[in-house]
Amino acid sequence: MTGLSEFPPERRPEFLPRYETLPQIVPVPLLTLQVSRDGGRIWDDTQTISSGDSLDPLSDAAWPPCQCPRCRAEEQAVYRQERRRSRR
């Protein structure tokens, strides 16, 4: 007995349906953003990322640092504290 090779391969119909016969899926909004770069006085247009958009894969899991005035001030304060500690 040599196993499965004794039986001829079974002819099967195409197991995946053709693209034309698949139901069309409506894109779902995944993320909606509206950005202000001046503390909330002026807002950019709303941008929506949906499931139907072709997006490049993430090259890194880390987000870029925030550039708002509040976060920049906090970052500068932490930098100054670390610099003071390293001088001691």
PDB file of N, CA and C in Angstrom:
ATOM      1  N   MET A   1       0.847  -1.181   0.000  1.00  0.00           N
ATOM      2  CA  MET A   1       0.000   0.000   0.000  1.00  0.00           C
ATOM      3  C   MET A   1       0.889   1.240   0.000  1.00  0.00           C
ATOM      4  N   THR A   2       0.666   2.118  -0.915  1.00  0.00           N
ATOM      5  CA  THR A   2       1.515   3.304  -1.043  1.00  0.00           C
ATOM      6  C   THR A   2       0.821   4.584  -0.632  1.00  0.00           C
ATOM      7  N   GLY A   3      -0.359   4.511  -0.092  1.00  0.00           N
ATOM      8  CA  GLY A   3      -1.026   5.718   0.407  1.00  0.00           C
ATOM      9  C   GLY A   3      -1.971   6.328  -0.606  1.00  0.00           C
ATOM     10  N   LEU A   4      -2.037   7.642  -0.629  1.00  0.00           N
ATOM     11  CA  LEU A   4      -2.992   8.358  -1.463  1.00  0.00           C
ATOM     12  C   LEU A   4      -2.659   8.299  -2.950  1.00  0.00           C
ATOM     13  N   SER A   5      -1.437   7.972  -3.295  1.00  0.00           N
ATOM     14  CA  SER A   5      -1.063   7.973  -4.704  1.00  0.00           C
ATOM     15  C   SER A   5      -1.782   6.883  -5.500  1.00  0.00           C
ATOM     16  N   GLU A   6      -2.418   5.924  -4.823  1.00  0.00           N
ATOM     17  CA  GLU A   6      -3.153   4.861  -5.516  1.00  0.00           C
ATOM     18  C   GLU A   6      -4.413   5.393  -6.196  1.00  0.00           C
ATOM     19  N   PHE A   7      -4.946   6.469  -5.693  1.00  0.00           N
ATOM     20  CA  PHE A   7      -6.197   6.989  -6.216  1.00  0.00           C
ATOM     21  C   PHE A   7      -5.920   8.124  -7.200  1.00  0.00           C
ATOM     22  N   PRO A   8      -6.626   8.151  -8.310  1.00  0.00           N
ATOM     23  CA  PRO A   8      -6.419   9.252  -9.265  1.00  0.00           C
ATOM     24  C   PRO A   8      -6.922  10.560  -8.646  1.00  0.00           C
ATOM     25  N   PRO A   9      -6.320  11.678  -9.013  1.00  0.00           N
ATOM     26  CA  PRO A   9      -6.790  12.957  -8.445  1.00  0.00           C
ATOM     27  C   PRO A   9      -8.229  13.231  -8.859  1.00  0.00           C
ATOM     28  N   GLU A  10      -8.994  13.697  -7.901  1.00  0.00           N
ATOM     29  CA  GLU A  10     -10.407  13.991  -8.148  1.00  0.00           C
ATOM     30  C   GLU A  10     -10.532  15.344  -8.837  1.00  0.00           C
ATOM     31  N   ARG A  11     -11.317  15.393  -9.895  1.00  0.00           N
ATOM     32  CA  ARG A  11     -11.549  16.677 -10.565  1.00  0.00           C
ATOM     33  C   ARG A  11     -12.565  17.462  -9.745  1.00  0.00           C
ATOM     34  N   ARG A  12     -12.202  18.669  -9.421  1.00  0.00           N
ATOM     35  CA  ARG A  12     -13.089  19.506  -8.613  1.00  0.00           C
ATOM     36  C   ARG A  12     -13.462  20.742  -9.399  1.00  0.00           C
ATOM     37  N   PRO A  13     -14.667  21.222  -9.200  1.00  0.00           N
ATOM     38  CA  PRO A  13     -15.008  22.503  -9.817  1.00  0.00           C
ATOM     39  C   PRO A  13     -14.223  23.609  -9.109  1.00  0.00           C
ATOM     40  N   GLU A  14     -14.167  24.740  -9.735  1.00  0.00           N
ATOM     41  CA  GLU A  14     -13.477  25.882  -9.134  1.00  0.00           C
ATOM     42  C   GLU A  14     -14.083  26.158  -7.755  1.00  0.00           C
ATOM     43  N   PHE A  15     -13.244  26.143  -6.714  1.00  0.00           N
ATOM     44  CA  PHE A  15     -13.793  26.282  -5.358  1.00  0.00           C
ATOM     45  C   PHE A  15     -13.976  27.732  -4.945  1.00  0.00           C
ATOM     46  N   LEU A  16     -13.383  28.673  -5.646  1.00  0.00           N
ATOM     47  CA  LEU A  16     -13.614  30.080  -5.340  1.00  0.00           C
ATOM     48  C   LEU A  16     -14.512  30.681  -6.419  1.00  0.00           C
ATOM     49  N   PRO A  17     -15.502  31.461  -6.022  1.00  0.00           N
ATOM     50  CA  PRO A  17     -16.360  32.086  -7.036  1.00  0.00           C
ATOM     51  C   PRO A  17     -15.586  33.153  -7.797  1.00  0.00           C
ATOM     52  N   ARG A  18     -16.027  33.441  -8.984  1.00  0.00           N
ATOM     53  CA  ARG A  18     -15.404  34.493  -9.772  1.00  0.00           C
ATOM     54  C   ARG A  18     -15.682  35.844  -9.112  1.00  0.00           C
ATOM     55  N   TYR A  19     -14.776  36.780  -9.324  1.00  0.00           N
ATOM     56  CA  TYR A  19     -14.909  38.103  -8.714  1.00  0.00           C
ATOM     57  C   TYR A  19     -16.221  38.775  -9.096  1.00  0.00           C
ATOM     58  N   GLU A  20     -16.641  38.573 -10.329  1.00  0.00           N
ATOM     59  CA  GLU A  20     -17.865  39.226 -10.803  1.00  0.00           C
ATOM     60  C   GLU A  20     -19.108  38.745 -10.051  1.00  0.00           C
ATOM     61  N   THR A  21     -19.049  37.523  -9.515  1.00  0.00           N
ATOM     62  CA  THR A  21     -20.225  36.981  -8.834  1.00  0.00           C
ATOM     63  C   THR A  21     -20.246  37.294  -7.341  1.00  0.00           C
ATOM     64  N   LEU A  22     -19.148  37.844  -6.803  1.00  0.00           N
ATOM     65  CA  LEU A  22     -19.108  38.178  -5.377  1.00  0.00           C
ATOM     66  C   LEU A  22     -19.964  39.409  -5.109  1.00  0.00           C
ATOM     67  N   PRO A  23     -20.632  39.465  -3.956  1.00  0.00           N
ATOM     68  CA  PRO A  23     -21.397  40.675  -3.635  1.00  0.00           C
ATOM     69  C   PRO A  23     -20.441  41.846  -3.389  1.00  0.00           C
ATOM     70  N   GLN A  24     -20.824  43.008  -3.823  1.00  0.00           N
ATOM     71  CA  GLN A  24     -20.000  44.201  -3.624  1.00  0.00           C
ATOM     72  C   GLN A  24     -20.179  44.680  -2.185  1.00  0.00           C
ATOM     73  N   ILE A  25     -19.088  44.832  -1.486  1.00  0.00           N
ATOM     74  CA  ILE A  25     -19.114  45.235  -0.078  1.00  0.00           C
ATOM     75  C   ILE A  25     -18.946  46.750  -0.001  1.00  0.00           C
ATOM     76  N   VAL A  26     -19.791  47.381   0.770  1.00  0.00           N
ATOM     77  CA  VAL A  26     -19.736  48.832   0.946  1.00  0.00           C
ATOM     78  C   VAL A  26     -18.612  49.155   1.929  1.00  0.00           C
ATOM     79  N   PRO A  27     -17.701  50.081   1.570  1.00  0.00           N
ATOM     80  CA  PRO A  27     -16.625  50.447   2.497  1.00  0.00           C
ATOM     81  C   PRO A  27     -17.189  51.035   3.793  1.00  0.00           C
ATOM     82  N   VAL A  28     -16.569  50.683   4.897  1.00  0.00           N
ATOM     83  CA  VAL A  28     -16.987  51.136   6.223  1.00  0.00           C
ATOM     84  C   VAL A  28     -15.972  52.164   6.715  1.00  0.00           C
ATOM     85  N   PRO A  29     -16.429  53.313   7.227  1.00  0.00           N
ATOM     86  CA  PRO A  29     -15.463  54.276   7.776  1.00  0.00           C
ATOM     87  C   PRO A  29     -14.786  53.705   9.016  1.00  0.00           C
ATOM     88  N   LEU A  30     -13.457  53.763   9.043  1.00  0.00           N
ATOM     89  CA  LEU A  30     -12.698  53.242  10.175  1.00  0.00           C
ATOM     90  C   LEU A  30     -12.185  54.334  11.094  1.00  0.00           C
ATOM     91  N   LEU A  31     -11.841  55.493  10.511  1.00  0.00           N
ATOM     92  CA  LEU A  31     -11.243  56.569  11.288  1.00  0.00           C
ATOM     93  C   LEU A  31     -11.595  57.897  10.634  1.00  0.00           C
ATOM     94  N   THR A  32     -12.013  58.854  11.445  1.00  0.00           N
ATOM     95  CA  THR A  32     -12.308  60.196  10.951  1.00  0.00           C
ATOM     96  C   THR A  32     -11.453  61.180  11.737  1.00  0.00           C
ATOM     97  N   LEU A  33     -10.711  62.024  11.014  1.00  0.00           N
ATOM     98  CA  LEU A  33      -9.814  62.983  11.647  1.00  0.00           C
ATOM     99  C   LEU A  33     -10.133  64.401  11.201  1.00  0.00           C
ATOM    100  N   GLN A  34      -9.988  65.321  12.131  1.00  0.00           N
ATOM    101  CA  GLN A  34     -10.034  66.738  11.810  1.00  0.00           C
ATOM    102  C   GLN A  34      -8.946  67.384  12.653  1.00  0.00           C
ATOM    103  N   VAL A  35      -7.993  68.026  12.003  1.00  0.00           N
ATOM    104  CA  VAL A  35      -6.785  68.494  12.673  1.00  0.00           C
ATOM    105  C   VAL A  35      -6.761  70.012  12.724  1.00  0.00           C
ATOM    106  N   SER A  36      -6.341  70.537  13.884  1.00  0.00           N
ATOM    107  CA  SER A  36      -6.078  71.961  14.042  1.00  0.00           C
ATOM    108  C   SER A  36      -4.604  72.113  14.375  1.00  0.00           C
ATOM    109  N   ARG A  37      -3.938  72.992  13.675  1.00  0.00           N
ATOM    110  CA  ARG A  37      -2.510  73.191  13.906  1.00  0.00           C
ATOM    111  C   ARG A  37      -2.220  74.496  14.647  1.00  0.00           C
ATOM    112  N   ASP A  38      -3.270  75.195  15.055  1.00  0.00           N
ATOM    113  CA  ASP A  38      -3.068  76.483  15.726  1.00  0.00           C
ATOM    114  C   ASP A  38      -3.895  76.599  17.003  1.00  0.00           C
ATOM    115  N   GLY A  39      -4.063  75.507  17.710  1.00  0.00           N
ATOM    116  CA  GLY A  39      -4.767  75.555  18.989  1.00  0.00           C
ATOM    117  C   GLY A  39      -6.275  75.619  18.889  1.00  0.00           C
ATOM    118  N   GLY A  40      -6.850  75.251  17.774  1.00  0.00           N
ATOM    119  CA  GLY A  40      -8.297  75.182  17.647  1.00  0.00           C
ATOM    120  C   GLY A  40      -8.956  76.365  16.979  1.00  0.00           C
ATOM    121  N   ARG A  41      -8.177  77.315  16.495  1.00  0.00           N
ATOM    122  CA  ARG A  41      -8.790  78.463  15.812  1.00  0.00           C
ATOM    123  C   ARG A  41      -9.223  78.102  14.391  1.00  0.00           C
ATOM    124  N   ILE A  42      -8.384  77.389  13.670  1.00  0.00           N
ATOM    125  CA  ILE A  42      -8.694  76.980  12.295  1.00  0.00           C
ATOM    126  C   ILE A  42      -8.522  75.466  12.208  1.00  0.00           C
ATOM    127  N   TRP A  43      -9.486  74.811  11.580  1.00  0.00           N
ATOM    128  CA  TRP A  43      -9.460  73.356  11.453  1.00  0.00           C
ATOM    129  C   TRP A  43      -9.315  72.959   9.994  1.00  0.00           C
ATOM    130  N   ASP A  44      -8.514  71.917   9.741  1.00  0.00           N
ATOM    131  CA  ASP A  44      -8.400  71.349   8.391  1.00  0.00           C
ATOM    132  C   ASP A  44      -9.689  70.625   8.042  1.00  0.00           C
ATOM    133  N   ASP A  45      -9.841  70.297   6.766  1.00  0.00           N
ATOM    134  CA  ASP A  45     -11.004  69.515   6.341  1.00  0.00           C
ATOM    135  C   ASP A  45     -11.000  68.147   7.010  1.00  0.00           C
ATOM    136  N   THR A  46     -12.178  67.604   7.216  1.00  0.00           N
ATOM    137  CA  THR A  46     -12.295  66.277   7.814  1.00  0.00           C
ATOM    138  C   THR A  46     -11.799  65.225   6.829  1.00  0.00           C
ATOM    139  N   GLN A  47     -10.963  64.320   7.316  1.00  0.00           N
ATOM    140  CA  GLN A  47     -10.457  63.219   6.500  1.00  0.00           C
ATOM    141  C   GLN A  47     -10.988  61.920   7.074  1.00  0.00           C
ATOM    142  N   THR A  48     -11.523  61.061   6.214  1.00  0.00           N
ATOM    143  CA  THR A  48     -12.065  59.776   6.652  1.00  0.00           C
ATOM    144  C   THR A  48     -11.280  58.658   5.992  1.00  0.00           C
ATOM    145  N   ILE A  49     -10.825  57.717   6.790  1.00  0.00           N
ATOM    146  CA  ILE A  49     -10.154  56.513   6.306  1.00  0.00           C
ATOM    147  C   ILE A  49     -11.195  55.402   6.347  1.00  0.00           C
ATOM    148  N   SER A  50     -11.411  54.754   5.213  1.00  0.00           N
ATOM    149  CA  SER A  50     -12.425  53.696   5.175  1.00  0.00           C
ATOM    150  C   SER A  50     -11.787  52.363   4.825  1.00  0.00           C
ATOM    151  N   SER A  51     -12.542  51.299   5.003  1.00  0.00           N
ATOM    152  CA  SER A  51     -12.036  49.949   4.770  1.00  0.00           C
ATOM    153  C   SER A  51     -11.734  49.696   3.301  1.00  0.00           C
ATOM    154  N   GLY A  52     -12.273  50.485   2.403  1.00  0.00           N
ATOM    155  CA  GLY A  52     -12.029  50.298   0.985  1.00  0.00           C
ATOM    156  C   GLY A  52     -10.795  51.023   0.478  1.00  0.00           C
ATOM    157  N   ASP A  53     -10.163  51.875   1.303  1.00  0.00           N
ATOM    158  CA  ASP A  53      -8.972  52.611   0.881  1.00  0.00           C
ATOM    159  C   ASP A  53      -7.783  51.667   0.772  1.00  0.00           C
ATOM    160  N   SER A  54      -6.959  51.890  -0.217  1.00  0.00           N
ATOM    161  CA  SER A  54      -5.738  51.095  -0.322  1.00  0.00           C
ATOM    162  C   SER A  54      -4.641  51.857   0.414  1.00  0.00           C
ATOM    163  N   LEU A  55      -4.245  51.334   1.557  1.00  0.00           N
ATOM    164  CA  LEU A  55      -3.257  51.985   2.407  1.00  0.00           C
ATOM    165  C   LEU A  55      -1.960  51.200   2.383  1.00  0.00           C
ATOM    166  N   ASP A  56      -0.850  51.921   2.472  1.00  0.00           N
ATOM    167  CA  ASP A  56       0.442  51.267   2.580  1.00  0.00           C
ATOM    168  C   ASP A  56       0.542  50.630   3.964  1.00  0.00           C
ATOM    169  N   PRO A  57       1.229  49.510   4.080  1.00  0.00           N
ATOM    170  CA  PRO A  57       1.396  48.907   5.412  1.00  0.00           C
ATOM    171  C   PRO A  57       2.260  49.801   6.289  1.00  0.00           C
ATOM    172  N   LEU A  58       2.037  49.710   7.591  1.00  0.00           N
ATOM    173  CA  LEU A  58       2.823  50.517   8.519  1.00  0.00           C
ATOM    174  C   LEU A  58       4.267  50.051   8.500  1.00  0.00           C
ATOM    175  N   SER A  59       5.189  50.989   8.402  1.00  0.00           N
ATOM    176  CA  SER A  59       6.605  50.629   8.439  1.00  0.00           C
ATOM    177  C   SER A  59       7.094  50.565   9.881  1.00  0.00           C
ATOM    178  N   ASP A  60       6.356  51.192  10.794  1.00  0.00           N
ATOM    179  CA  ASP A  60       6.743  51.212  12.197  1.00  0.00           C
ATOM    180  C   ASP A  60       5.472  51.350  13.024  1.00  0.00           C
ATOM    181  N   ALA A  61       5.461  50.755  14.191  1.00  0.00           N
ATOM    182  CA  ALA A  61       4.273  50.814  15.039  1.00  0.00           C
ATOM    183  C   ALA A  61       4.227  52.082  15.875  1.00  0.00           C
ATOM    184  N   ALA A  62       5.296  52.882  15.887  1.00  0.00           N
ATOM    185  CA  ALA A  62       5.341  54.091  16.705  1.00  0.00           C
ATOM    186  C   ALA A  62       4.733  55.270  15.949  1.00  0.00           C
ATOM    187  N   TRP A  63       3.967  56.071  16.647  1.00  0.00           N
ATOM    188  CA  TRP A  63       3.392  57.271  16.059  1.00  0.00           C
ATOM    189  C   TRP A  63       4.447  58.369  16.077  1.00  0.00           C
ATOM    190  N   PRO A  64       4.389  59.302  15.151  1.00  0.00           N
ATOM    191  CA  PRO A  64       5.332  60.428  15.229  1.00  0.00           C
ATOM    192  C   PRO A  64       4.972  61.303  16.421  1.00  0.00           C
ATOM    193  N   PRO A  65       5.952  62.012  16.975  1.00  0.00           N
ATOM    194  CA  PRO A  65       5.655  62.854  18.137  1.00  0.00           C
ATOM    195  C   PRO A  65       4.689  63.982  17.770  1.00  0.00           C
ATOM    196  N   CYS A  66       3.852  64.341  18.717  1.00  0.00           N
ATOM    197  CA  CYS A  66       2.893  65.422  18.513  1.00  0.00           C
ATOM    198  C   CYS A  66       3.647  66.741  18.406  1.00  0.00           C
ATOM    199  N   GLN A  67       3.164  67.632  17.545  1.00  0.00           N
ATOM    200  CA  GLN A  67       3.825  68.917  17.336  1.00  0.00           C
ATOM    201  C   GLN A  67       3.002  70.092  17.847  1.00  0.00           C
ATOM    202  N   CYS A  68       1.954  69.826  18.636  1.00  0.00           N
ATOM    203  CA  CYS A  68       1.152  70.942  19.149  1.00  0.00           C
ATOM    204  C   CYS A  68       1.962  71.706  20.206  1.00  0.00           C
ATOM    205  N   PRO A  69       1.635  72.972  20.436  1.00  0.00           N
ATOM    206  CA  PRO A  69       2.405  73.777  21.396  1.00  0.00           C
ATOM    207  C   PRO A  69       2.443  73.168  22.804  1.00  0.00           C
ATOM    208  N   ARG A  70       1.340  72.594  23.257  1.00  0.00           N
ATOM    209  CA  ARG A  70       1.316  72.009  24.594  1.00  0.00           C
ATOM    210  C   ARG A  70       2.290  70.843  24.712  1.00  0.00           C
ATOM    211  N   CYS A  71       2.256  69.930  23.745  1.00  0.00           N
ATOM    212  CA  CYS A  71       3.144  68.765  23.801  1.00  0.00           C
ATOM    213  C   CYS A  71       4.596  69.159  23.604  1.00  0.00           C
ATOM    214  N   ARG A  72       4.849  70.149  22.739  1.00  0.00           N
ATOM    215  CA  ARG A  72       6.226  70.605  22.559  1.00  0.00           C
ATOM    216  C   ARG A  72       6.758  71.212  23.847  1.00  0.00           C
ATOM    217  N   ALA A  73       5.922  71.972  24.565  1.00  0.00           N
ATOM    218  CA  ALA A  73       6.346  72.571  25.834  1.00  0.00           C
ATOM    219  C   ALA A  73       6.639  71.484  26.865  1.00  0.00           C
ATOM    220  N   GLU A  74       5.795  70.455  26.927  1.00  0.00           N
ATOM    221  CA  GLU A  74       6.024  69.347  27.851  1.00  0.00           C
ATOM    222  C   GLU A  74       7.318  68.613  27.503  1.00  0.00           C
ATOM    223  N   GLU A  75       7.535  68.394  26.205  1.00  0.00           N
ATOM    224  CA  GLU A  75       8.742  67.700  25.763  1.00  0.00           C
ATOM    225  C   GLU A  75       9.993  68.500  26.117  1.00  0.00           C
ATOM    226  N   GLN A  76       9.926  69.825  25.936  1.00  0.00           N
ATOM    227  CA  GLN A  76      11.066  70.674  26.266  1.00  0.00           C
ATOM    228  C   GLN A  76      11.326  70.666  27.766  1.00  0.00           C
ATOM    229  N   ALA A  77      10.262  70.657  28.578  1.00  0.00           N
ATOM    230  CA  ALA A  77      10.431  70.621  30.031  1.00  0.00           C
ATOM    231  C   ALA A  77      11.097  69.318  30.469  1.00  0.00           C
ATOM    232  N   VAL A  78      10.679  68.199  29.890  1.00  0.00           N
ATOM    233  CA  VAL A  78      11.294  66.904  30.223  1.00  0.00           C
ATOM    234  C   VAL A  78      12.755  66.903  29.799  1.00  0.00           C
ATOM    235  N   TYR A  79      13.042  67.452  28.639  1.00  0.00           N
ATOM    236  CA  TYR A  79      14.427  67.526  28.150  1.00  0.00           C
ATOM    237  C   TYR A  79      15.290  68.335  29.110  1.00  0.00           C
ATOM    238  N   ARG A  80      14.761  69.475  29.573  1.00  0.00           N
ATOM    239  CA  ARG A  80      15.519  70.316  30.509  1.00  0.00           C
ATOM    240  C   ARG A  80      15.783  69.588  31.820  1.00  0.00           C
ATOM    241  N   GLN A  81      14.768  68.869  32.334  1.00  0.00           N
ATOM    242  CA  GLN A  81      14.955  68.120  33.578  1.00  0.00           C
ATOM    243  C   GLN A  81      16.020  67.045  33.411  1.00  0.00           C
ATOM    244  N   GLU A  82      15.980  66.321  32.305  1.00  0.00           N
ATOM    245  CA  GLU A  82      16.982  65.273  32.058  1.00  0.00           C
ATOM    246  C   GLU A  82      18.370  65.874  31.918  1.00  0.00           C
ATOM    247  N   ARG A  83      18.444  67.025  31.307  1.00  0.00           N
ATOM    248  CA  ARG A  83      19.738  67.678  31.128  1.00  0.00           C
ATOM    249  C   ARG A  83      20.317  68.126  32.470  1.00  0.00           C
ATOM    250  N   ARG A  84      19.439  68.648  33.346  1.00  0.00           N
ATOM    251  CA  ARG A  84      19.887  69.055  34.680  1.00  0.00           C
ATOM    252  C   ARG A  84      20.390  67.854  35.465  1.00  0.00           C
ATOM    253  N   ARG A  85      19.675  66.738  35.377  1.00  0.00           N
ATOM    254  CA  ARG A  85      20.086  65.521  36.102  1.00  0.00           C
ATOM    255  C   ARG A  85      21.439  65.011  35.601  1.00  0.00           C
ATOM    256  N   SER A  86      21.666  65.099  34.310  1.00  0.00           N
ATOM    257  CA  SER A  86      22.913  64.569  33.758  1.00  0.00           C
ATOM    258  C   SER A  86      24.110  65.447  34.106  1.00  0.00           C
ATOM    259  N   ARG A  87      23.889  66.722  34.418  1.00  0.00           N
ATOM    260  CA  ARG A  87      24.975  67.611  34.787  1.00  0.00           C
ATOM    261  C   ARG A  87      25.461  67.369  36.205  1.00  0.00           C
ATOM    262  N   ARG A  88      24.630  66.781  37.033  1.00  0.00           N
ATOM    263  CA  ARG A  88      24.995  66.575  38.456  1.00  0.00           C
ATOM    264  C   ARG A  88      26.039  65.533  38.618  1.00  0.00           C
TER     265      ARG A  88
END
